[in-house]
Amino acid sequence: MTGWLAVLAAGLFEIAWAFGLKYSDGLTRFWPTVATALAILASFSLMSFALRSLPFGTAYAIWTGIGAAGSIVVGMVIFSEPTDPVRIICLTLIVAGMVGLKLTSPV
């Protein structure tokens, strides 16, 4: 697995654990809490692997960007959070920033 694929997978697990936190009800529900903990472990493990070969700042920004943007989309789709134009523009800026960082990365 390449470093960038590990960052992508780690970012997807970021979305999963944020989603799990919502369903864990303050970490009081057993199975959602277990799933959240496993997603956190997977996310951190994959990111640790990725940082062996990627620049720290770029990889970290993309990792958190995937988690942030993905969580916004999950909130809009699953939890019916607002999809007003300002939120969409801000989401687009996050994605544009991640793409820009990746394109200018030396690796």
N, C-alpha and C. Protein backbone atom coordinates (compact mmCIF):
# COMPACT_ATOMS: atom_id res chain seq x y z
N MET A 1 0.86 -1.18 0.00
CA MET A 1 0.00 0.00 0.00
C MET A 1 0.90 1.24 0.00
N THR A 2 0.56 2.19 -0.84
CA THR A 2 1.33 3.43 -0.87
C THR A 2 0.90 4.35 0.27
N GLY A 3 1.74 5.34 0.53
CA GLY A 3 1.43 6.29 1.59
C GLY A 3 0.13 7.03 1.34
N TRP A 4 -0.10 7.43 0.09
CA TRP A 4 -1.31 8.20 -0.21
C TRP A 4 -2.57 7.35 -0.07
N LEU A 5 -2.49 6.07 -0.42
CA LEU A 5 -3.65 5.20 -0.21
C LEU A 5 -3.92 5.02 1.28
N ALA A 6 -2.84 4.95 2.06
CA ALA A 6 -3.00 4.84 3.51
C ALA A 6 -3.66 6.10 4.08
N VAL A 7 -3.27 7.28 3.57
CA VAL A 7 -3.90 8.52 4.03
C VAL A 7 -5.39 8.51 3.67
N LEU A 8 -5.71 8.10 2.45
CA LEU A 8 -7.11 8.03 2.04
C LEU A 8 -7.91 7.10 2.96
N ALA A 9 -7.38 5.90 3.19
CA ALA A 9 -8.08 4.95 4.06
C ALA A 9 -8.18 5.49 5.48
N ALA A 10 -7.11 6.11 5.97
CA ALA A 10 -7.13 6.70 7.31
C ALA A 10 -8.19 7.79 7.40
N GLY A 11 -8.32 8.60 6.35
CA GLY A 11 -9.34 9.64 6.31
C GLY A 11 -10.75 9.06 6.33
N LEU A 12 -10.94 7.95 5.63
CA LEU A 12 -12.26 7.31 5.63
C LEU A 12 -12.59 6.77 7.01
N PHE A 13 -11.57 6.24 7.70
CA PHE A 13 -11.80 5.80 9.08
C PHE A 13 -12.05 6.98 10.02
N GLU A 14 -11.51 8.15 9.69
CA GLU A 14 -11.83 9.36 10.45
C GLU A 14 -13.33 9.65 10.38
N ILE A 15 -13.87 9.54 9.18
CA ILE A 15 -15.31 9.75 9.00
C ILE A 15 -16.08 8.71 9.81
N ALA A 16 -15.62 7.46 9.75
CA ALA A 16 -16.31 6.37 10.45
C ALA A 16 -16.32 6.60 11.95
N TRP A 17 -15.19 7.05 12.52
CA TRP A 17 -15.22 7.21 13.98
C TRP A 17 -16.02 8.43 14.39
N ALA A 18 -16.03 9.47 13.58
CA ALA A 18 -16.88 10.61 13.90
C ALA A 18 -18.35 10.20 13.87
N PHE A 19 -18.71 9.40 12.86
CA PHE A 19 -20.07 8.86 12.74
C PHE A 19 -20.38 7.99 13.96
N GLY A 20 -19.42 7.16 14.35
CA GLY A 20 -19.61 6.30 15.52
C GLY A 20 -19.82 7.08 16.80
N LEU A 21 -19.13 8.19 16.94
CA LEU A 21 -19.32 9.02 18.13
C LEU A 21 -20.75 9.50 18.26
N LYS A 22 -21.34 9.82 17.12
CA LYS A 22 -22.73 10.28 17.12
C LYS A 22 -23.65 9.19 17.68
N TYR A 23 -23.39 7.94 17.28
CA TYR A 23 -24.25 6.84 17.69
C TYR A 23 -23.88 6.22 19.03
N SER A 24 -22.71 6.55 19.56
CA SER A 24 -22.29 5.95 20.82
C SER A 24 -22.98 6.61 22.02
N ASP A 25 -23.66 7.74 21.78
CA ASP A 25 -24.39 8.44 22.84
C ASP A 25 -23.47 8.75 24.02
N GLY A 26 -22.40 9.48 23.71
CA GLY A 26 -21.44 9.84 24.75
C GLY A 26 -20.63 8.65 25.25
N LEU A 27 -20.37 7.72 24.37
CA LEU A 27 -19.63 6.48 24.68
C LEU A 27 -20.34 5.63 25.72
N THR A 28 -21.66 5.70 25.73
CA THR A 28 -22.45 4.91 26.69
C THR A 28 -23.09 3.67 26.05
N ARG A 29 -23.10 3.59 24.74
CA ARG A 29 -23.64 2.41 24.05
C ARG A 29 -22.47 1.53 23.62
N PHE A 30 -22.50 0.28 24.00
CA PHE A 30 -21.35 -0.61 23.87
C PHE A 30 -20.86 -0.79 22.44
N TRP A 31 -21.70 -1.30 21.55
CA TRP A 31 -21.23 -1.64 20.20
C TRP A 31 -20.83 -0.41 19.39
N PRO A 32 -21.58 0.68 19.43
CA PRO A 32 -21.09 1.86 18.73
C PRO A 32 -19.77 2.38 19.30
N THR A 33 -19.57 2.24 20.60
CA THR A 33 -18.32 2.65 21.21
C THR A 33 -17.17 1.76 20.75
N VAL A 34 -17.41 0.46 20.69
CA VAL A 34 -16.38 -0.47 20.20
C VAL A 34 -16.04 -0.15 18.74
N ALA A 35 -17.05 0.06 17.91
CA ALA A 35 -16.80 0.39 16.50
C ALA A 35 -16.03 1.70 16.38
N THR A 36 -16.36 2.67 17.20
CA THR A 36 -15.65 3.95 17.19
C THR A 36 -14.18 3.75 17.56
N ALA A 37 -13.93 2.98 18.61
CA ALA A 37 -12.55 2.73 19.05
C ALA A 37 -11.75 2.00 17.97
N LEU A 38 -12.37 1.04 17.32
CA LEU A 38 -11.68 0.31 16.24
C LEU A 38 -11.38 1.22 15.05
N ALA A 39 -12.32 2.10 14.73
CA ALA A 39 -12.10 3.03 13.62
C ALA A 39 -10.97 4.01 13.96
N ILE A 40 -10.91 4.47 15.21
CA ILE A 40 -9.83 5.35 15.64
C ILE A 40 -8.49 4.62 15.52
N LEU A 41 -8.45 3.40 16.00
CA LEU A 41 -7.22 2.61 15.93
C LEU A 41 -6.78 2.40 14.48
N ALA A 42 -7.72 2.08 13.62
CA ALA A 42 -7.40 1.88 12.21
C ALA A 42 -6.91 3.18 11.57
N SER A 43 -7.57 4.28 11.87
CA SER A 43 -7.20 5.56 11.30
C SER A 43 -5.78 5.95 11.72
N PHE A 44 -5.50 5.85 13.01
CA PHE A 44 -4.18 6.22 13.51
C PHE A 44 -3.10 5.28 12.98
N SER A 45 -3.39 3.99 12.89
CA SER A 45 -2.41 3.03 12.39
C SER A 45 -2.07 3.31 10.93
N LEU A 46 -3.09 3.55 10.13
CA LEU A 46 -2.86 3.85 8.71
C LEU A 46 -2.10 5.16 8.53
N MET A 47 -2.44 6.15 9.35
CA MET A 47 -1.74 7.43 9.26
C MET A 47 -0.28 7.27 9.68
N SER A 48 -0.04 6.47 10.69
CA SER A 48 1.32 6.21 11.13
C SER A 48 2.13 5.57 10.01
N PHE A 49 1.52 4.63 9.31
CA PHE A 49 2.17 4.00 8.16
C PHE A 49 2.46 5.03 7.07
N ALA A 50 1.49 5.86 6.78
CA ALA A 50 1.63 6.85 5.71
C ALA A 50 2.76 7.83 6.00
N LEU A 51 2.92 8.20 7.26
CA LEU A 51 3.93 9.20 7.61
C LEU A 51 5.36 8.69 7.47
N ARG A 52 5.53 7.42 7.24
CA ARG A 52 6.87 6.89 6.97
C ARG A 52 7.42 7.42 5.65
N SER A 53 6.52 7.70 4.71
CA SER A 53 6.99 8.08 3.37
C SER A 53 6.47 9.42 2.87
N LEU A 54 5.57 10.05 3.60
CA LEU A 54 4.97 11.30 3.13
C LEU A 54 5.37 12.48 4.00
N PRO A 55 5.33 13.69 3.42
CA PRO A 55 5.60 14.88 4.22
C PRO A 55 4.51 15.06 5.29
N PHE A 56 4.96 15.31 6.52
CA PHE A 56 4.04 15.38 7.65
C PHE A 56 2.90 16.38 7.45
N GLY A 57 3.22 17.62 7.18
CA GLY A 57 2.20 18.67 7.12
C GLY A 57 1.15 18.40 6.05
N THR A 58 1.60 18.00 4.88
CA THR A 58 0.67 17.73 3.78
C THR A 58 -0.21 16.53 4.09
N ALA A 59 0.41 15.45 4.56
CA ALA A 59 -0.36 14.24 4.86
C ALA A 59 -1.37 14.50 5.96
N TYR A 60 -0.96 15.22 7.00
CA TYR A 60 -1.87 15.50 8.11
C TYR A 60 -3.04 16.37 7.66
N ALA A 61 -2.75 17.39 6.87
CA ALA A 61 -3.82 18.28 6.39
C ALA A 61 -4.82 17.52 5.52
N ILE A 62 -4.33 16.64 4.68
CA ILE A 62 -5.23 15.87 3.81
C ILE A 62 -6.03 14.87 4.64
N TRP A 63 -5.39 14.23 5.60
CA TRP A 63 -6.07 13.28 6.49
C TRP A 63 -7.22 13.96 7.22
N THR A 64 -6.94 15.08 7.85
CA THR A 64 -8.01 15.76 8.58
C THR A 64 -9.03 16.38 7.63
N GLY A 65 -8.59 16.79 6.45
CA GLY A 65 -9.52 17.34 5.46
C GLY A 65 -10.51 16.30 4.98
N ILE A 66 -10.02 15.08 4.74
CA ILE A 66 -10.92 13.99 4.34
C ILE A 66 -11.94 13.75 5.44
N GLY A 67 -11.47 13.71 6.68
CA GLY A 67 -12.38 13.50 7.81
C GLY A 67 -13.39 14.62 7.94
N ALA A 68 -12.93 15.86 7.81
CA ALA A 68 -13.83 17.01 7.95
C ALA A 68 -14.85 17.06 6.81
N ALA A 69 -14.36 16.99 5.58
CA ALA A 69 -15.26 17.06 4.43
C ALA A 69 -16.23 15.89 4.42
N GLY A 70 -15.71 14.71 4.70
CA GLY A 70 -16.58 13.53 4.73
C GLY A 70 -17.63 13.62 5.82
N SER A 71 -17.24 14.13 6.97
CA SER A 71 -18.21 14.27 8.06
C SER A 71 -19.29 15.30 7.72
N ILE A 72 -18.90 16.35 7.02
CA ILE A 72 -19.89 17.34 6.58
C ILE A 72 -20.89 16.68 5.63
N VAL A 73 -20.39 15.91 4.68
CA VAL A 73 -21.27 15.23 3.72
C VAL A 73 -22.17 14.23 4.43
N VAL A 74 -21.61 13.44 5.36
CA VAL A 74 -22.42 12.49 6.13
C VAL A 74 -23.50 13.24 6.90
N GLY A 75 -23.14 14.35 7.51
CA GLY A 75 -24.13 15.14 8.24
C GLY A 75 -25.26 15.61 7.35
N MET A 76 -24.91 16.05 6.15
CA MET A 76 -25.93 16.53 5.21
C MET A 76 -26.82 15.40 4.71
N VAL A 77 -26.20 14.26 4.38
CA VAL A 77 -26.94 13.16 3.76
C VAL A 77 -27.72 12.34 4.80
N ILE A 78 -27.07 11.98 5.89
CA ILE A 78 -27.70 11.07 6.85
C ILE A 78 -28.48 11.81 7.93
N PHE A 79 -27.96 12.95 8.38
CA PHE A 79 -28.59 13.65 9.49
C PHE A 79 -29.37 14.89 9.06
N SER A 80 -29.55 15.06 7.77
CA SER A 80 -30.33 16.17 7.21
C SER A 80 -29.87 17.54 7.70
N GLU A 81 -28.56 17.70 7.83
CA GLU A 81 -28.03 19.00 8.21
C GLU A 81 -28.16 19.95 7.02
N PRO A 82 -28.13 21.24 7.26
CA PRO A 82 -28.35 22.21 6.18
C PRO A 82 -27.36 22.05 5.02
N THR A 83 -27.88 22.30 3.83
CA THR A 83 -27.05 22.25 2.62
C THR A 83 -27.07 23.60 1.91
N ASP A 84 -27.05 24.65 2.70
CA ASP A 84 -27.13 25.99 2.12
C ASP A 84 -25.85 26.31 1.32
N PRO A 85 -25.93 27.29 0.46
CA PRO A 85 -24.79 27.61 -0.43
C PRO A 85 -23.49 27.92 0.31
N VAL A 86 -23.56 28.58 1.44
CA VAL A 86 -22.33 28.91 2.17
C VAL A 86 -21.63 27.63 2.64
N ARG A 87 -22.39 26.67 3.15
CA ARG A 87 -21.79 25.39 3.58
C ARG A 87 -21.18 24.65 2.40
N ILE A 88 -21.84 24.67 1.27
CA ILE A 88 -21.31 24.00 0.08
C ILE A 88 -20.03 24.68 -0.39
N ILE A 89 -20.00 26.00 -0.36
CA ILE A 89 -18.78 26.74 -0.74
C ILE A 89 -17.64 26.39 0.22
N CYS A 90 -17.91 26.38 1.50
CA CYS A 90 -16.87 26.05 2.48
C CYS A 90 -16.37 24.62 2.28
N LEU A 91 -17.28 23.69 2.04
CA LEU A 91 -16.90 22.31 1.76
C LEU A 91 -16.01 22.24 0.52
N THR A 92 -16.38 22.99 -0.51
CA THR A 92 -15.60 23.03 -1.74
C THR A 92 -14.20 23.59 -1.48
N LEU A 93 -14.09 24.58 -0.62
CA LEU A 93 -12.79 25.15 -0.29
C LEU A 93 -11.90 24.14 0.44
N ILE A 94 -12.49 23.35 1.32
CA ILE A 94 -11.72 22.31 2.01
C ILE A 94 -11.17 21.32 0.98
N VAL A 95 -12.03 20.86 0.09
CA VAL A 95 -11.61 19.90 -0.93
C VAL A 95 -10.56 20.52 -1.85
N ALA A 96 -10.77 21.76 -2.26
CA ALA A 96 -9.80 22.44 -3.12
C ALA A 96 -8.45 22.56 -2.42
N GLY A 97 -8.45 22.85 -1.15
CA GLY A 97 -7.21 22.93 -0.39
C GLY A 97 -6.48 21.60 -0.35
N MET A 98 -7.22 20.52 -0.15
CA MET A 98 -6.60 19.19 -0.13
C MET A 98 -6.00 18.85 -1.49
N VAL A 99 -6.74 19.11 -2.54
CA VAL A 99 -6.24 18.84 -3.90
C VAL A 99 -4.99 19.67 -4.17
N GLY A 100 -5.03 20.93 -3.80
CA GLY A 100 -3.86 21.80 -4.02
C GLY A 100 -2.64 21.31 -3.26
N LEU A 101 -2.82 20.91 -2.03
CA LEU A 101 -1.71 20.38 -1.25
C LEU A 101 -1.13 19.11 -1.86
N LYS A 102 -2.02 18.23 -2.30
CA LYS A 102 -1.55 16.98 -2.91
C LYS A 102 -0.80 17.26 -4.20
N LEU A 103 -1.32 18.15 -5.03
CA LEU A 103 -0.70 18.43 -6.30
C LEU A 103 0.68 19.10 -6.15
N THR A 104 0.88 19.82 -5.06
CA THR A 104 2.16 20.49 -4.85
C THR A 104 3.08 19.70 -3.93
N SER A 105 2.67 18.51 -3.53
CA SER A 105 3.50 17.67 -2.66
C SER A 105 4.68 17.10 -3.43
N PRO A 106 5.86 17.07 -2.81
CA PRO A 106 7.02 16.52 -3.51
C PRO A 106 6.96 15.01 -3.69
N VAL A 107 6.08 14.35 -2.97
CA VAL A 107 5.97 12.87 -3.08
C VAL A 107 4.71 12.50 -3.80
